[in-house]
Amino acid sequence: METPEELFAEWRRTREPALLGAVFDAVAPRLLGLALHLCREPADAEDAVQATFLTAIEKAESWDERRPLEPWLGGILTRRAQQRAASDA
């Protein structure tokens, strides 16, 4: 079984949607747990996870393959949740 890092690296090279789907399936439950901690509403947490993956797609080239993927995604999610909270305040 390939790791999320291997899957994302391969997706980045090929843009094969199934690879990105496999990354999502592997890490989304843990990212959702983080998002539920950061967001007031469950729907906002789900939106934050989706926004995280959209940002990851847009910024895929900035991920360093020598580093773990999930902390990078967690950082994106945290920034998105903070931005959302600031705009709601």
Foldseek 3Di string as FASTA:
>chain_A
DDDLLVLLVVCVVVVPVVSLVVNCVVQVVVQLVVLVVLADDSVSSVVLLVVLSVVCVVCVVVDDSVDDDNVVSSVSSNVVSVVVVVVVD
